[in-house]
N, C-alpha and C. Protein backbone atom coordinates (compact mmCIF):
# COMPACT_ATOMS: atom_id res chain seq x y z
N MET A 1 46.79 16.37 -3.43
CA MET A 1 45.49 16.95 -3.21
C MET A 1 44.92 16.29 -1.96
N ALA A 2 44.73 17.06 -0.92
CA ALA A 2 44.25 16.52 0.34
C ALA A 2 42.73 16.53 0.34
N GLU A 3 42.14 15.40 0.68
CA GLU A 3 40.69 15.31 0.77
C GLU A 3 40.32 15.18 2.23
N VAL A 4 39.44 16.04 2.67
CA VAL A 4 39.01 16.03 4.06
C VAL A 4 37.50 15.91 4.06
N LYS A 5 36.98 14.95 4.81
CA LYS A 5 35.54 14.77 4.88
C LYS A 5 34.99 15.74 5.91
N SER A 6 33.99 16.51 5.50
CA SER A 6 33.40 17.52 6.38
C SER A 6 32.13 16.97 7.01
N ASN A 7 31.92 17.26 8.25
CA ASN A 7 30.70 16.83 8.93
C ASN A 7 29.75 18.00 9.14
N SER A 8 29.73 18.91 8.21
CA SER A 8 28.88 20.08 8.38
C SER A 8 27.42 19.66 8.28
N PRO A 9 26.54 20.27 9.10
CA PRO A 9 25.13 19.89 9.08
C PRO A 9 24.43 20.25 7.79
N SER A 10 25.00 21.19 7.03
CA SER A 10 24.33 21.61 5.80
C SER A 10 24.44 20.56 4.70
N SER A 11 25.44 19.75 4.77
CA SER A 11 25.58 18.71 3.74
C SER A 11 25.22 17.39 4.37
N LYS A 12 24.10 16.83 3.97
CA LYS A 12 23.55 15.65 4.62
C LYS A 12 24.48 14.46 4.55
N GLY A 13 25.09 14.21 3.44
CA GLY A 13 25.93 13.03 3.31
C GLY A 13 27.39 13.35 3.49
N GLY A 14 27.71 14.52 3.97
CA GLY A 14 29.10 14.90 4.10
C GLY A 14 29.57 15.55 2.82
N SER A 15 30.79 16.00 2.82
CA SER A 15 31.32 16.64 1.63
C SER A 15 32.82 16.41 1.59
N VAL A 16 33.37 16.73 0.47
CA VAL A 16 34.81 16.57 0.28
C VAL A 16 35.39 17.96 0.08
N LYS A 17 36.47 18.23 0.78
CA LYS A 17 37.09 19.55 0.66
C LYS A 17 38.34 19.38 -0.18
N LYS A 18 38.34 20.04 -1.32
CA LYS A 18 39.50 19.99 -2.21
C LYS A 18 39.98 21.41 -2.42
N LYS A 19 41.20 21.63 -2.11
CA LYS A 19 41.82 22.95 -2.31
C LYS A 19 40.96 24.08 -1.75
N GLY A 20 40.43 23.88 -0.56
CA GLY A 20 39.66 24.93 0.10
C GLY A 20 38.24 25.06 -0.39
N VAL A 21 37.81 24.25 -1.37
CA VAL A 21 36.44 24.32 -1.89
C VAL A 21 35.70 23.08 -1.41
N ILE A 22 34.51 23.29 -0.82
CA ILE A 22 33.71 22.17 -0.34
C ILE A 22 32.84 21.68 -1.49
N ILE A 23 32.98 20.41 -1.82
CA ILE A 23 32.22 19.82 -2.91
C ILE A 23 31.28 18.78 -2.31
N PRO A 24 29.95 18.93 -2.50
CA PRO A 24 29.02 17.94 -1.95
C PRO A 24 29.29 16.57 -2.56
N MET A 25 29.10 15.54 -1.73
CA MET A 25 29.34 14.18 -2.21
C MET A 25 28.19 13.68 -3.09
N PHE A 26 26.99 14.23 -2.90
CA PHE A 26 25.85 13.78 -3.69
C PHE A 26 25.64 14.73 -4.86
N THR A 27 25.24 14.15 -5.96
CA THR A 27 24.89 14.99 -7.09
C THR A 27 23.42 15.38 -6.94
N ALA A 28 22.99 16.33 -7.71
CA ALA A 28 21.60 16.79 -7.64
C ALA A 28 20.64 15.66 -8.00
N LYS A 29 21.01 14.84 -8.98
CA LYS A 29 20.13 13.74 -9.39
C LYS A 29 19.96 12.73 -8.27
N LYS A 30 21.06 12.42 -7.58
CA LYS A 30 20.98 11.47 -6.48
C LYS A 30 20.13 12.03 -5.35
N GLN A 31 20.30 13.31 -5.07
CA GLN A 31 19.51 13.94 -4.02
C GLN A 31 18.03 13.95 -4.40
N LYS A 32 17.74 14.24 -5.66
CA LYS A 32 16.35 14.26 -6.13
C LYS A 32 15.73 12.88 -5.98
N LYS A 33 16.47 11.84 -6.38
CA LYS A 33 15.96 10.48 -6.26
C LYS A 33 15.74 10.11 -4.80
N ALA A 34 16.65 10.51 -3.93
CA ALA A 34 16.51 10.20 -2.51
C ALA A 34 15.28 10.89 -1.93
N VAL A 35 15.06 12.13 -2.31
CA VAL A 35 13.90 12.87 -1.82
C VAL A 35 12.61 12.24 -2.36
N GLN A 36 12.61 11.90 -3.65
CA GLN A 36 11.42 11.27 -4.24
C GLN A 36 11.11 9.95 -3.56
N LYS A 37 12.14 9.19 -3.24
CA LYS A 37 11.95 7.90 -2.58
C LYS A 37 11.33 8.11 -1.19
N LYS A 38 11.82 9.10 -0.45
CA LYS A 38 11.27 9.38 0.88
C LYS A 38 9.84 9.88 0.79
N VAL A 39 9.56 10.73 -0.19
CA VAL A 39 8.20 11.25 -0.36
C VAL A 39 7.25 10.11 -0.69
N LYS A 40 7.67 9.21 -1.57
CA LYS A 40 6.83 8.07 -1.94
C LYS A 40 6.57 7.19 -0.73
N ALA A 41 7.61 6.92 0.06
CA ALA A 41 7.45 6.09 1.26
C ALA A 41 6.47 6.76 2.23
N LEU A 42 6.61 8.07 2.40
CA LEU A 42 5.71 8.78 3.30
C LEU A 42 4.28 8.77 2.78
N SER A 43 4.10 8.97 1.47
CA SER A 43 2.75 8.99 0.93
C SER A 43 2.12 7.60 0.99
N ASP A 44 2.91 6.55 0.73
CA ASP A 44 2.39 5.19 0.86
C ASP A 44 1.97 4.93 2.29
N ASN A 45 2.81 5.36 3.23
CA ASN A 45 2.51 5.18 4.64
C ASN A 45 1.25 5.95 5.01
N THR A 46 1.08 7.14 4.45
CA THR A 46 -0.11 7.95 4.73
C THR A 46 -1.36 7.27 4.21
N VAL A 47 -1.29 6.69 3.02
CA VAL A 47 -2.44 5.99 2.45
C VAL A 47 -2.81 4.80 3.32
N ARG A 48 -1.80 4.04 3.75
CA ARG A 48 -2.07 2.88 4.61
C ARG A 48 -2.71 3.32 5.93
N ARG A 49 -2.18 4.38 6.50
CA ARG A 49 -2.72 4.85 7.78
C ARG A 49 -4.13 5.40 7.60
N ALA A 50 -4.38 6.12 6.51
CA ALA A 50 -5.72 6.66 6.26
C ALA A 50 -6.72 5.53 6.04
N THR A 51 -6.30 4.49 5.33
CA THR A 51 -7.18 3.35 5.09
C THR A 51 -7.49 2.64 6.40
N LYS A 52 -6.47 2.47 7.23
CA LYS A 52 -6.68 1.82 8.53
C LYS A 52 -7.63 2.66 9.39
N LEU A 53 -7.43 3.97 9.38
CA LEU A 53 -8.31 4.86 10.14
C LEU A 53 -9.74 4.76 9.63
N ALA A 54 -9.92 4.74 8.31
CA ALA A 54 -11.26 4.64 7.73
C ALA A 54 -11.92 3.33 8.14
N LEU A 55 -11.15 2.23 8.12
CA LEU A 55 -11.70 0.94 8.55
C LEU A 55 -12.13 1.00 10.01
N ASN A 56 -11.30 1.60 10.85
CA ASN A 56 -11.66 1.72 12.27
C ASN A 56 -12.92 2.56 12.45
N LEU A 57 -13.03 3.64 11.67
CA LEU A 57 -14.23 4.48 11.77
C LEU A 57 -15.48 3.74 11.31
N VAL A 58 -15.35 2.95 10.24
CA VAL A 58 -16.50 2.17 9.76
C VAL A 58 -16.90 1.15 10.82
N ASP A 59 -15.92 0.48 11.43
CA ASP A 59 -16.23 -0.48 12.49
C ASP A 59 -16.90 0.20 13.67
N PHE A 60 -16.39 1.37 14.03
CA PHE A 60 -16.99 2.14 15.13
C PHE A 60 -18.43 2.52 14.79
N GLN A 61 -18.65 2.99 13.55
CA GLN A 61 -19.99 3.40 13.15
C GLN A 61 -20.93 2.20 13.12
N LYS A 62 -20.44 1.04 12.66
CA LYS A 62 -21.27 -0.16 12.62
C LYS A 62 -21.66 -0.57 14.03
N THR A 63 -20.70 -0.55 14.95
CA THR A 63 -20.99 -0.91 16.34
C THR A 63 -22.01 0.07 16.94
N THR A 64 -21.81 1.35 16.66
CA THR A 64 -22.74 2.37 17.15
C THR A 64 -24.13 2.15 16.57
N PHE A 65 -24.18 1.85 15.28
CA PHE A 65 -25.47 1.60 14.63
C PHE A 65 -26.15 0.38 15.25
N ASP A 66 -25.40 -0.71 15.42
CA ASP A 66 -25.97 -1.93 16.00
C ASP A 66 -26.53 -1.66 17.40
N ASN A 67 -25.77 -0.94 18.21
CA ASN A 67 -26.25 -0.62 19.56
C ASN A 67 -27.49 0.27 19.52
N THR A 68 -27.48 1.24 18.63
CA THR A 68 -28.62 2.16 18.51
C THR A 68 -29.86 1.43 18.02
N ILE A 69 -29.70 0.57 17.03
CA ILE A 69 -30.86 -0.15 16.49
C ILE A 69 -31.42 -1.11 17.54
N ARG A 70 -30.52 -1.67 18.39
CA ARG A 70 -30.99 -2.54 19.47
C ARG A 70 -31.85 -1.75 20.47
N VAL A 71 -31.37 -0.57 20.84
CA VAL A 71 -32.13 0.28 21.76
C VAL A 71 -33.44 0.71 21.11
N PHE A 72 -33.37 1.09 19.85
CA PHE A 72 -34.55 1.51 19.11
C PHE A 72 -35.57 0.37 19.02
N THR A 73 -35.10 -0.84 18.77
CA THR A 73 -35.97 -2.01 18.70
C THR A 73 -36.65 -2.25 20.04
N ALA A 74 -35.87 -2.17 21.11
CA ALA A 74 -36.45 -2.37 22.45
C ALA A 74 -37.52 -1.32 22.73
N LEU A 75 -37.25 -0.06 22.35
CA LEU A 75 -38.22 1.01 22.54
C LEU A 75 -39.48 0.76 21.73
N GLN A 76 -39.31 0.33 20.47
CA GLN A 76 -40.47 0.05 19.63
C GLN A 76 -41.28 -1.13 20.17
N GLU A 77 -40.59 -2.13 20.69
CA GLU A 77 -41.32 -3.28 21.26
C GLU A 77 -42.16 -2.84 22.45
N GLN A 78 -41.62 -1.93 23.27
CA GLN A 78 -42.39 -1.43 24.41
C GLN A 78 -43.60 -0.61 23.95
N THR A 79 -43.40 0.26 22.96
CA THR A 79 -44.53 1.05 22.47
C THR A 79 -45.55 0.16 21.76
N GLU A 80 -45.07 -0.89 21.11
CA GLU A 80 -45.97 -1.84 20.45
C GLU A 80 -46.89 -2.50 21.48
N LYS A 81 -46.32 -2.90 22.61
CA LYS A 81 -47.13 -3.52 23.67
C LYS A 81 -48.17 -2.53 24.20
N LEU A 82 -47.75 -1.27 24.39
CA LEU A 82 -48.69 -0.26 24.87
C LEU A 82 -49.82 -0.03 23.88
N ILE A 83 -49.47 0.05 22.59
CA ILE A 83 -50.50 0.28 21.57
C ILE A 83 -51.45 -0.91 21.52
N GLN A 84 -50.91 -2.13 21.61
CA GLN A 84 -51.77 -3.31 21.60
C GLN A 84 -52.71 -3.30 22.81
N GLU A 85 -52.19 -2.93 23.98
CA GLU A 85 -53.02 -2.88 25.19
C GLU A 85 -54.14 -1.84 25.03
N LEU A 86 -53.79 -0.70 24.46
CA LEU A 86 -54.76 0.39 24.37
C LEU A 86 -55.74 0.24 23.21
N THR A 87 -55.34 -0.45 22.15
CA THR A 87 -56.22 -0.51 20.98
C THR A 87 -56.70 -1.91 20.66
N VAL A 88 -55.77 -2.81 20.39
CA VAL A 88 -56.14 -4.14 19.90
C VAL A 88 -56.88 -4.94 20.97
N LYS A 89 -56.44 -4.88 22.22
CA LYS A 89 -57.06 -5.67 23.28
C LYS A 89 -58.25 -4.94 23.93
N SER A 90 -58.51 -3.77 23.46
CA SER A 90 -59.63 -3.02 24.05
C SER A 90 -60.95 -3.41 23.38
N THR A 91 -62.02 -3.16 24.08
CA THR A 91 -63.34 -3.50 23.54
C THR A 91 -63.92 -2.36 22.71
N TRP A 92 -63.42 -1.17 22.88
CA TRP A 92 -64.00 -0.02 22.19
C TRP A 92 -63.52 0.10 20.74
N MET A 93 -62.39 -0.59 20.36
CA MET A 93 -61.85 -0.49 18.99
C MET A 93 -62.58 -1.47 18.09
N PRO A 94 -63.09 -0.98 16.94
CA PRO A 94 -63.74 -1.90 16.00
C PRO A 94 -62.71 -2.87 15.39
N LYS A 95 -63.21 -4.01 14.88
CA LYS A 95 -62.32 -5.03 14.29
C LYS A 95 -61.48 -4.42 13.17
N GLU A 96 -62.09 -3.61 12.39
CA GLU A 96 -61.40 -2.98 11.27
C GLU A 96 -60.21 -2.15 11.77
N GLY A 97 -60.39 -1.41 12.83
CA GLY A 97 -59.33 -0.59 13.43
C GLY A 97 -58.22 -1.45 14.02
N LYS A 98 -58.63 -2.59 14.63
CA LYS A 98 -57.63 -3.50 15.21
C LYS A 98 -56.74 -4.08 14.11
N LYS A 99 -57.35 -4.41 12.95
CA LYS A 99 -56.56 -4.95 11.83
C LYS A 99 -55.58 -3.90 11.30
N VAL A 100 -56.00 -2.65 11.25
CA VAL A 100 -55.14 -1.57 10.78
C VAL A 100 -53.94 -1.43 11.72
N VAL A 101 -54.19 -1.45 13.02
CA VAL A 101 -53.11 -1.31 14.01
C VAL A 101 -52.15 -2.49 13.91
N GLU A 102 -52.67 -3.72 13.79
CA GLU A 102 -51.81 -4.91 13.68
C GLU A 102 -50.96 -4.84 12.41
N GLU A 103 -51.59 -4.40 11.31
CA GLU A 103 -50.84 -4.27 10.05
C GLU A 103 -49.76 -3.20 10.18
N TRP A 104 -50.09 -2.10 10.85
CA TRP A 104 -49.12 -1.02 11.06
C TRP A 104 -47.93 -1.54 11.88
N ILE A 105 -48.18 -2.32 12.92
CA ILE A 105 -47.10 -2.87 13.77
C ILE A 105 -46.21 -3.80 12.94
N LYS A 106 -46.83 -4.66 12.11
CA LYS A 106 -46.04 -5.56 11.25
C LYS A 106 -45.18 -4.75 10.27
N THR A 107 -45.75 -3.69 9.71
CA THR A 107 -45.03 -2.86 8.75
C THR A 107 -43.83 -2.18 9.41
N VAL A 108 -44.04 -1.66 10.63
CA VAL A 108 -42.95 -1.01 11.36
C VAL A 108 -41.83 -2.01 11.62
N ASN A 109 -42.18 -3.21 12.08
CA ASN A 109 -41.16 -4.23 12.37
C ASN A 109 -40.42 -4.67 11.10
N ARG A 110 -41.19 -4.91 10.03
CA ARG A 110 -40.59 -5.32 8.77
C ARG A 110 -39.67 -4.23 8.22
N SER A 111 -40.11 -2.99 8.27
CA SER A 111 -39.30 -1.87 7.77
C SER A 111 -38.02 -1.71 8.58
N ARG A 112 -38.13 -1.84 9.90
CA ARG A 112 -36.95 -1.74 10.75
C ARG A 112 -35.95 -2.86 10.42
N ASN A 113 -36.46 -4.07 10.25
CA ASN A 113 -35.57 -5.21 9.92
C ASN A 113 -34.93 -5.03 8.54
N ASP A 114 -35.71 -4.54 7.57
CA ASP A 114 -35.16 -4.28 6.23
C ASP A 114 -34.09 -3.19 6.29
N PHE A 115 -34.36 -2.14 7.07
CA PHE A 115 -33.39 -1.06 7.22
C PHE A 115 -32.10 -1.59 7.84
N LYS A 116 -32.23 -2.43 8.86
CA LYS A 116 -31.04 -3.01 9.51
C LYS A 116 -30.26 -3.88 8.52
N LYS A 117 -30.96 -4.70 7.74
CA LYS A 117 -30.28 -5.54 6.74
C LYS A 117 -29.56 -4.68 5.70
N THR A 118 -30.21 -3.61 5.25
CA THR A 118 -29.61 -2.71 4.27
C THR A 118 -28.35 -2.06 4.83
N MET A 119 -28.44 -1.58 6.05
CA MET A 119 -27.28 -0.93 6.68
C MET A 119 -26.15 -1.93 6.92
N ASP A 120 -26.50 -3.14 7.37
CA ASP A 120 -25.46 -4.16 7.57
C ASP A 120 -24.76 -4.47 6.26
N ARG A 121 -25.55 -4.58 5.20
CA ARG A 121 -24.97 -4.86 3.87
C ARG A 121 -24.06 -3.71 3.44
N SER A 122 -24.47 -2.47 3.67
CA SER A 122 -23.63 -1.34 3.27
C SER A 122 -22.35 -1.29 4.09
N PHE A 123 -22.43 -1.59 5.38
CA PHE A 123 -21.21 -1.64 6.20
C PHE A 123 -20.28 -2.75 5.71
N ASP A 124 -20.85 -3.89 5.35
CA ASP A 124 -20.03 -4.99 4.83
C ASP A 124 -19.34 -4.60 3.53
N LEU A 125 -20.07 -3.92 2.64
CA LEU A 125 -19.49 -3.51 1.36
C LEU A 125 -18.36 -2.50 1.53
N ILE A 126 -18.58 -1.48 2.37
CA ILE A 126 -17.54 -0.47 2.54
C ILE A 126 -16.34 -1.08 3.26
N SER A 127 -16.57 -1.98 4.20
CA SER A 127 -15.45 -2.64 4.89
C SER A 127 -14.65 -3.51 3.92
N ALA A 128 -15.35 -4.25 3.06
CA ALA A 128 -14.66 -5.09 2.08
C ALA A 128 -13.83 -4.23 1.13
N TYR A 129 -14.39 -3.11 0.70
CA TYR A 129 -13.66 -2.22 -0.20
C TYR A 129 -12.40 -1.68 0.48
N LEU A 130 -12.54 -1.20 1.70
CA LEU A 130 -11.39 -0.63 2.42
C LEU A 130 -10.34 -1.70 2.71
N LYS A 131 -10.77 -2.92 3.00
CA LYS A 131 -9.80 -4.00 3.24
C LYS A 131 -9.04 -4.32 1.96
N ARG A 132 -9.75 -4.27 0.83
CA ARG A 132 -9.09 -4.52 -0.46
C ARG A 132 -8.07 -3.43 -0.75
N VAL A 133 -8.42 -2.18 -0.47
CA VAL A 133 -7.48 -1.07 -0.65
C VAL A 133 -6.28 -1.26 0.26
N GLN A 134 -6.54 -1.67 1.49
CA GLN A 134 -5.45 -1.88 2.46
C GLN A 134 -4.52 -3.00 1.99
N GLU A 135 -5.09 -4.08 1.48
CA GLU A 135 -4.26 -5.18 0.98
C GLU A 135 -3.44 -4.75 -0.23
N ASP A 136 -4.06 -3.97 -1.12
CA ASP A 136 -3.33 -3.47 -2.29
C ASP A 136 -2.16 -2.59 -1.86
N GLU A 137 -2.39 -1.74 -0.89
CA GLU A 137 -1.32 -0.86 -0.39
C GLU A 137 -0.24 -1.67 0.30
N SER A 138 -0.64 -2.71 1.04
CA SER A 138 0.36 -3.56 1.70
C SER A 138 1.20 -4.29 0.67
N ALA A 139 0.56 -4.73 -0.41
CA ALA A 139 1.30 -5.42 -1.47
C ALA A 139 2.28 -4.47 -2.14
N LYS A 140 1.88 -3.21 -2.31
CA LYS A 140 2.78 -2.23 -2.91
C LYS A 140 3.94 -1.92 -1.99
N ALA A 141 3.69 -1.95 -0.70
CA ALA A 141 4.72 -1.58 0.27
C ALA A 141 5.81 -2.64 0.37
N LYS A 142 5.43 -3.89 0.14
CA LYS A 142 6.43 -4.96 0.22
C LYS A 142 7.37 -4.82 -0.96
N PRO A 143 8.65 -4.97 -0.70
CA PRO A 143 9.59 -4.87 -1.82
C PRO A 143 9.36 -6.01 -2.80
N ALA A 144 9.47 -5.69 -4.04
CA ALA A 144 9.28 -6.70 -5.08
C ALA A 144 10.38 -7.73 -4.96
N LYS A 145 10.01 -8.96 -5.24
CA LYS A 145 11.01 -10.01 -5.19
C LYS A 145 12.06 -9.73 -6.26
N PRO A 146 13.31 -9.91 -5.90
CA PRO A 146 14.34 -9.66 -6.90
C PRO A 146 14.18 -10.63 -8.06
N LYS A 147 14.32 -10.10 -9.23
CA LYS A 147 14.20 -10.95 -10.41
C LYS A 147 15.38 -11.90 -10.44
N ALA A 148 15.13 -13.06 -11.04
CA ALA A 148 16.21 -14.03 -11.14
C ALA A 148 17.35 -13.40 -11.91
N LYS A 149 18.50 -13.48 -11.31
CA LYS A 149 19.65 -12.87 -11.96
C LYS A 149 20.03 -13.68 -13.18
N ALA A 150 20.44 -12.99 -14.19
CA ALA A 150 20.90 -13.67 -15.40
C ALA A 150 22.15 -14.45 -15.03
N LYS A 151 22.28 -15.56 -15.67
CA LYS A 151 23.45 -16.37 -15.36
C LYS A 151 24.70 -15.57 -15.65
N VAL A 152 25.56 -15.62 -14.70
CA VAL A 152 26.83 -14.91 -14.87
C VAL A 152 27.68 -15.72 -15.82
N LYS A 153 28.12 -15.04 -16.85
CA LYS A 153 28.95 -15.74 -17.81
C LYS A 153 30.26 -16.12 -17.14
N ALA A 154 30.66 -17.33 -17.45
CA ALA A 154 31.94 -17.77 -16.90
C ALA A 154 33.03 -16.91 -17.50
N LYS A 155 33.99 -16.64 -16.67
CA LYS A 155 35.08 -15.82 -17.17
C LYS A 155 35.75 -16.56 -18.32
N ALA A 156 36.03 -15.81 -19.32
CA ALA A 156 36.68 -16.41 -20.48
C ALA A 156 38.05 -16.91 -20.05
N LYS A 157 38.36 -18.05 -20.56
CA LYS A 157 39.68 -18.59 -20.25
C LYS A 157 40.72 -17.68 -20.85
N PRO A 158 41.75 -17.47 -20.11
CA PRO A 158 42.79 -16.62 -20.70
C PRO A 158 43.33 -17.30 -21.94
N ARG A 159 43.51 -16.49 -22.93
CA ARG A 159 44.02 -17.05 -24.19
C ARG A 159 45.46 -17.47 -23.99
N ALA A 160 45.74 -18.52 -24.67
CA ALA A 160 47.13 -18.97 -24.63
C ALA A 160 47.97 -17.93 -25.35
N LYS A 161 49.12 -17.72 -24.82
CA LYS A 161 49.98 -16.74 -25.46
C LYS A 161 50.30 -17.23 -26.85
N ALA A 162 50.12 -16.31 -27.74
CA ALA A 162 50.41 -16.67 -29.13
C ALA A 162 51.91 -16.88 -29.26
N LYS A 163 52.20 -17.98 -29.88
CA LYS A 163 53.63 -18.25 -30.08
C LYS A 163 54.10 -17.37 -31.23
N ALA A 164 55.16 -16.79 -30.98
CA ALA A 164 55.73 -15.95 -32.04
C ALA A 164 56.19 -16.86 -33.16
N LYS A 165 55.80 -16.48 -34.34
CA LYS A 165 56.25 -17.29 -35.46
C LYS A 165 57.74 -17.05 -35.63
N VAL A 166 58.37 -18.14 -35.74
CA VAL A 166 59.82 -18.03 -35.92
C VAL A 166 60.08 -17.89 -37.41
N ARG A 167 60.56 -16.75 -37.73
CA ARG A 167 60.89 -16.51 -39.13
C ARG A 167 62.36 -16.86 -39.31
N PRO A 168 62.61 -17.40 -40.43
CA PRO A 168 64.03 -17.66 -40.64
C PRO A 168 64.78 -16.34 -40.72
N LYS A 169 65.87 -16.36 -40.14
CA LYS A 169 66.66 -15.13 -40.16
C LYS A 169 67.01 -14.80 -41.60
N ALA A 170 66.89 -13.57 -41.83
CA ALA A 170 67.28 -13.13 -43.18
C ALA A 170 68.79 -13.24 -43.29
N PRO A 171 69.22 -13.73 -44.40
CA PRO A 171 70.67 -13.87 -44.53
C PRO A 171 71.34 -12.51 -44.53
N ALA A 172 72.45 -12.49 -43.99
CA ALA A 172 73.20 -11.24 -44.00
C ALA A 172 73.47 -10.87 -45.45
N PRO A 173 73.57 -9.64 -45.76
CA PRO A 173 73.73 -9.24 -47.15
C PRO A 173 74.95 -9.88 -47.82
N SER A 174 75.92 -10.10 -47.09
CA SER A 174 77.10 -10.68 -47.72
C SER A 174 76.90 -12.16 -48.00
N GLU A 175 76.04 -12.81 -47.26
CA GLU A 175 75.84 -14.24 -47.42
C GLU A 175 74.94 -14.55 -48.59
N SER A 176 74.00 -13.69 -48.87
CA SER A 176 73.04 -14.01 -49.89
C SER A 176 73.57 -13.82 -51.31
N LEU A 177 74.55 -13.04 -51.48
CA LEU A 177 75.04 -12.79 -52.83
C LEU A 177 76.23 -13.72 -53.13
N PRO A 178 76.20 -14.31 -54.26
CA PRO A 178 77.36 -15.13 -54.62
C PRO A 178 78.58 -14.25 -54.90
N SER A 179 79.63 -14.74 -54.57
CA SER A 179 80.84 -13.94 -54.78
C SER A 179 81.26 -14.02 -56.24
N MET A 180 81.83 -13.03 -56.64
CA MET A 180 82.26 -12.99 -58.02
C MET A 180 83.70 -13.00 -58.15
């Protein structure tokens, strides 16, 4: 029976040709396991990449927020100075009105600072969560350490050849009977 290995593109692992019939070298179960393994690897890789992308987006959004709040703070500080010049430092505003404006300025600053702290805290929480997911995925991706192999039993010593019991030869029929 001649076996010829075929390099046809349709059979991924090659095939064996026996008597004119091409027989795939892989069984369906092996192919299914191979496909499942590749799908799992791809999905794990996709989760890792998506997590990394999400972390990058959160970092980008945090940086954008920080820059925006800095610009917003600078703008508010400028308008605060203008309002103080026009109202608080003016002679036409009553004391009661000046106190209202000063309280309003303090409230705006306090609210802006509280908002910034809240946003910073939320960015920290989402980043910590995504990093934890990323670490979990990285731990899953690493191959598990091989379990300690069970001690290999020592090969049994070959048994000594059993000595054949030497039986006394049976006496020949003529020898065993007394002569008459």
